[in-house]
C-alpha atoms as a PDB file:
ATOM      1  CA  MET A   1      38.669 -32.655  25.839  1.00  0.00           C
ATOM      2  CA  PRO A   2      39.456 -29.437  27.755  1.00  0.00           C
ATOM      3  CA  ARG A   3      41.950 -29.438  30.577  1.00  0.00           C
ATOM      4  CA  VAL A   4      41.699 -27.365  33.736  1.00  0.00           C
ATOM      5  CA  PRO A   5      44.088 -26.641  36.605  1.00  0.00           C
ATOM      6  CA  HIS A   6      43.771 -29.107  39.477  1.00  0.00           C
ATOM      7  CA  ILE A   7      45.483 -29.277  42.852  1.00  0.00           C
ATOM      8  CA  ASP A   8      45.360 -32.712  44.442  1.00  0.00           C
ATOM      9  CA  ARG A   9      45.158 -33.552  48.158  1.00  0.00           C
ATOM     10  CA  ASP A  10      48.945 -33.433  48.462  1.00  0.00           C
ATOM     11  CA  GLY A  11      49.021 -29.884  47.084  1.00  0.00           C
ATOM     12  CA  ASP A  12      50.578 -30.935  43.776  1.00  0.00           C
ATOM     13  CA  GLU A  13      49.319 -28.884  40.837  1.00  0.00           C
ATOM     14  CA  HIS A  14      48.602 -30.443  37.466  1.00  0.00           C
ATOM     15  CA  GLU A  15      46.015 -30.278  34.719  1.00  0.00           C
ATOM     16  CA  ARG A  16      43.084 -32.648  34.538  1.00  0.00           C
ATOM     17  CA  LYS A  17      40.488 -33.441  31.948  1.00  0.00           C
ATOM     18  CA  VAL A  18      36.961 -32.202  32.480  1.00  0.00           C
ATOM     19  CA  ILE A  19      34.956 -35.409  32.722  1.00  0.00           C
ATOM     20  CA  GLY A  20      32.256 -35.571  30.083  1.00  0.00           C
ATOM     21  CA  GLY A  21      34.038 -33.514  27.426  1.00  0.00           C
ATOM     22  CA  LYS A  22      33.976 -29.831  26.583  1.00  0.00           C
ATOM     23  CA  SER A  23      30.232 -29.553  26.243  1.00  0.00           C
ATOM     24  CA  ALA A  24      28.088 -30.172  29.294  1.00  0.00           C
ATOM     25  CA  GLY A  25      24.686 -29.460  27.863  1.00  0.00           C
ATOM     26  CA  LYS A  26      24.605 -25.700  27.540  1.00  0.00           C
ATOM     27  CA  VAL A  27      27.701 -25.029  29.668  1.00  0.00           C
ATOM     28  CA  THR A  28      31.339 -25.558  28.699  1.00  0.00           C
ATOM     29  CA  ALA A  29      34.494 -25.602  30.804  1.00  0.00           C
ATOM     30  CA  ASP A  30      35.443 -22.202  29.342  1.00  0.00           C
ATOM     31  CA  ASP A  31      32.089 -20.538  30.104  1.00  0.00           C
ATOM     32  CA  PRO A  32      32.712 -17.214  31.916  1.00  0.00           C
ATOM     33  CA  LEU A  33      30.617 -18.339  34.906  1.00  0.00           C
ATOM     34  CA  VAL A  34      32.590 -21.570  35.221  1.00  0.00           C
ATOM     35  CA  ILE A  35      35.836 -19.614  35.078  1.00  0.00           C
ATOM     36  CA  ARG A  36      34.599 -17.230  37.813  1.00  0.00           C
ATOM     37  CA  TYR A  37      33.564 -20.163  40.034  1.00  0.00           C
ATOM     38  CA  ARG A  38      36.894 -21.940  39.439  1.00  0.00           C
ATOM     39  CA  GLU A  39      38.904 -18.780  40.189  1.00  0.00           C
ATOM     40  CA  SER A  40      36.842 -18.060  43.311  1.00  0.00           C
ATOM     41  CA  LEU A  41      37.824 -21.456  44.679  1.00  0.00           C
ATOM     42  CA  GLY A  42      41.340 -20.019  44.715  1.00  0.00           C
ATOM     43  CA  GLY A  43      43.414 -23.119  43.992  1.00  0.00           C
ATOM     44  CA  ARG A  44      42.421 -24.977  47.155  1.00  0.00           C
ATOM     45  CA  PRO A  45      43.822 -28.523  47.364  1.00  0.00           C
ATOM     46  CA  GLY A  46      41.428 -31.355  46.532  1.00  0.00           C
ATOM     47  CA  ILE A  47      39.255 -29.399  44.062  1.00  0.00           C
ATOM     48  CA  SER A  48      37.990 -31.153  40.943  1.00  0.00           C
ATOM     49  CA  GLU A  49      35.216 -30.536  38.452  1.00  0.00           C
ATOM     50  CA  LYS A  50      32.874 -32.685  36.440  1.00  0.00           C
ATOM     51  CA  ALA A  51      30.360 -32.090  33.671  1.00  0.00           C
ATOM     52  CA  MET A  52      26.959 -33.225  34.951  1.00  0.00           C
ATOM     53  CA  MET A  53      23.317 -32.168  35.290  1.00  0.00           C
ATOM     54  CA  GLY A  54      23.618 -29.966  32.191  1.00  0.00           C
ATOM     55  CA  GLY A  55      26.379 -27.893  33.749  1.00  0.00           C
ATOM     56  CA  ILE A  56      29.764 -28.073  35.421  1.00  0.00           C
ATOM     57  CA  CYS A  57      29.967 -29.112  39.080  1.00  0.00           C
ATOM     58  CA  PHE A  58      32.865 -28.574  41.471  1.00  0.00           C
ATOM     59  CA  PHE A  59      33.969 -30.969  44.196  1.00  0.00           C
ATOM     60  CA  HIS A  60      36.212 -30.881  47.251  1.00  0.00           C
ATOM     61  CA  ASP A  61      37.718 -34.272  48.085  1.00  0.00           C
ATOM     62  CA  GLY A  62      34.892 -35.893  46.110  1.00  0.00           C
ATOM     63  CA  ASN A  63      32.046 -33.964  47.806  1.00  0.00           C
ATOM     64  CA  MET A  64      30.021 -31.572  45.660  1.00  0.00           C
ATOM     65  CA  ILE A  65      30.472 -27.875  46.441  1.00  0.00           C
ATOM     66  CA  GLY A  66      28.117 -26.672  43.704  1.00  0.00           C
ATOM     67  CA  GLY A  67      28.330 -25.641  40.105  1.00  0.00           C
ATOM     68  CA  VAL A  68      27.142 -23.597  37.161  1.00  0.00           C
ATOM     69  CA  ASP A  69      24.352 -24.052  34.655  1.00  0.00           C
ATOM     70  CA  ARG A  70      22.338 -22.056  32.164  1.00  0.00           C
ATOM     71  CA  TRP A  71      18.570 -22.100  32.019  1.00  0.00           C
ATOM     72  CA  ASP A  72      15.600 -20.117  30.712  1.00  0.00           C
ATOM     73  CA  GLY A  73      17.108 -19.118  27.399  1.00  0.00           C
ATOM     74  CA  GLY A  74      20.727 -19.161  28.518  1.00  0.00           C
ATOM     75  CA  ARG A  75      20.538 -17.185  31.769  1.00  0.00           C
ATOM     76  CA  GLY A  76      23.387 -18.182  34.041  1.00  0.00           C
ATOM     77  CA  ARG A  77      23.146 -19.276  37.634  1.00  0.00           C
ATOM     78  CA  TYR A  78      25.390 -20.738  40.287  1.00  0.00           C
ATOM     79  CA  MET A  79      24.573 -23.637  42.576  1.00  0.00           C
ATOM     80  CA  PHE A  80      25.941 -23.993  46.108  1.00  0.00           C
ATOM     81  CA  ARG A  81      25.748 -26.851  48.582  1.00  0.00           C
ATOM     82  CA  VAL A  82      25.239 -25.026  51.870  1.00  0.00           C
ATOM     83  CA  GLY A  83      23.768 -27.849  53.974  1.00  0.00           C
ATOM     84  CA  LYS A  84      20.273 -28.131  55.404  1.00  0.00           C
ATOM     85  CA  ASP A  85      21.168 -26.184  58.563  1.00  0.00           C
ATOM     86  CA  ASN A  86      22.213 -23.151  56.465  1.00  0.00           C
ATOM     87  CA  GLU A  87      19.490 -23.419  53.835  1.00  0.00           C
ATOM     88  CA  ALA A  88      16.895 -21.026  55.313  1.00  0.00           C
ATOM     89  CA  ALA A  89      19.465 -18.267  55.854  1.00  0.00           C
ATOM     90  CA  ALA A  90      20.923 -18.851  52.379  1.00  0.00           C
ATOM     91  CA  LEU A  91      17.494 -18.623  50.741  1.00  0.00           C
ATOM     92  CA  SER A  92      16.955 -15.204  52.344  1.00  0.00           C
ATOM     93  CA  ARG A  93      19.916 -13.761  50.385  1.00  0.00           C
ATOM     94  CA  ASP A  94      19.437 -11.796  47.161  1.00  0.00           C
ATOM     95  CA  GLY A  95      18.950 -13.916  44.044  1.00  0.00           C
ATOM     96  CA  ALA A  96      18.807 -17.240  45.926  1.00  0.00           C
ATOM     97  CA  SER A  97      16.231 -19.945  45.229  1.00  0.00           C
ATOM     98  CA  ALA A  98      15.734 -23.584  46.155  1.00  0.00           C
ATOM     99  CA  VAL A  99      17.242 -26.188  43.837  1.00  0.00           C
ATOM    100  CA  MET A 100      14.597 -28.319  42.161  1.00  0.00           C
ATOM    101  CA  MET A 101      15.676 -31.340  40.108  1.00  0.00           C
ATOM    102  CA  GLY A 102      13.158 -33.619  38.468  1.00  0.00           C
ATOM    103  CA  GLY A 103      10.339 -32.087  40.501  1.00  0.00           C
ATOM    104  CA  ARG A 104      12.157 -32.733  43.787  1.00  0.00           C
ATOM    105  CA  ARG A 105      13.613 -30.106  46.085  1.00  0.00           C
ATOM    106  CA  MET A 106      17.272 -30.770  46.795  1.00  0.00           C
ATOM    107  CA  GLY A 107      17.673 -29.965  50.484  1.00  0.00           C
ATOM    108  CA  GLY A 108      20.732 -27.948  51.431  1.00  0.00           C
ATOM    109  CA  MET A 109      21.291 -26.720  47.859  1.00  0.00           C
ATOM    110  CA  VAL A 110      20.584 -23.233  46.491  1.00  0.00           C
ATOM    111  CA  PHE A 111      20.699 -21.582  43.093  1.00  0.00           C
ATOM    112  CA  VAL A 112      21.893 -17.977  42.836  1.00  0.00           C
ATOM    113  CA  GLU A 113      21.289 -15.935  39.710  1.00  0.00           C
ATOM    114  CA  ASP A 114      24.436 -14.664  38.039  1.00  0.00           C
ATOM    115  CA  GLY A 115      23.206 -11.050  38.256  1.00  0.00           C
ATOM    116  CA  ALA A 116      23.006 -11.301  42.055  1.00  0.00           C
ATOM    117  CA  CYS A 117      26.543 -12.626  42.383  1.00  0.00           C
ATOM    118  CA  ASP A 118      29.230  -9.962  42.108  1.00  0.00           C
ATOM    119  CA  ASP A 119      32.775 -10.927  43.143  1.00  0.00           C
ATOM    120  CA  ASP A 120      32.168 -10.279  46.856  1.00  0.00           C
ATOM    121  CA  ALA A 121      28.890 -12.194  46.864  1.00  0.00           C
ATOM    122  CA  LEU A 122      30.436 -15.102  44.958  1.00  0.00           C
ATOM    123  CA  GLY A 123      33.265 -15.267  47.482  1.00  0.00           C
ATOM    124  CA  GLY A 124      30.724 -15.318  50.318  1.00  0.00           C
ATOM    125  CA  TRP A 125      28.748 -18.122  48.689  1.00  0.00           C
ATOM    126  CA  ILE A 126      31.919 -20.128  48.090  1.00  0.00           C
ATOM    127  CA  ALA A 127      32.932 -19.640  51.734  1.00  0.00           C
ATOM    128  CA  LEU A 128      29.502 -20.786  52.949  1.00  0.00           C
ATOM    129  CA  ALA A 129      29.554 -23.881  50.711  1.00  0.00           C
ATOM    130  CA  MET A 130      33.171 -24.726  51.580  1.00  0.00           C
ATOM    131  CA  GLY A 131      32.391 -24.361  55.287  1.00  0.00           C
ATOM    132  CA  PHE A 132      29.823 -27.105  54.906  1.00  0.00           C
ATOM    133  CA  VAL A 133      31.629 -29.360  52.428  1.00  0.00           C
ATOM    134  CA  ALA A 134      35.066 -29.190  54.087  1.00  0.00           C
ATOM    135  CA  ALA A 135      33.548 -30.747  57.231  1.00  0.00           C
ATOM    136  CA  LEU A 136      32.426 -33.839  55.285  1.00  0.00           C
ATOM    137  CA  PRO A 137      34.655 -36.924  55.118  1.00  0.00           C
ATOM    138  CA  PRO A 138      36.562 -37.274  51.823  1.00  0.00           C
ATOM    139  CA  LYS A 139      35.145 -39.640  49.226  1.00  0.00           C
ATOM    140  CA  THR A 140      37.616 -41.937  47.548  1.00  0.00           C
END
């Protein structure tokens, strides 16, 4: 099982296992998009990750920030939890689309194609998602 850096709520750094094993459907913990997402989170306290929904998802204090998956022949995309109040503005950005899971639209969530997410854009998406998620109460 792969191990990734993790900083807990107290700011202590250690490694943790990626839940679900190395393979998460088509995405692994060492996928370049997962590494970019992880690095863009910048070592914030309370960050964890979990293999789910065919990809890797990231959490802050137990609340989902977003994640990475591959679709349509292996094309990469990021997912961000921006909140329903920010959704319309987020969907107007380049490369953004609504998240559909099992035929249902997931309100407050957006997908962004990898090609539309250079380092500056990724940082902006992370900031938008963290602005929403950091205001939520921690899950224990």
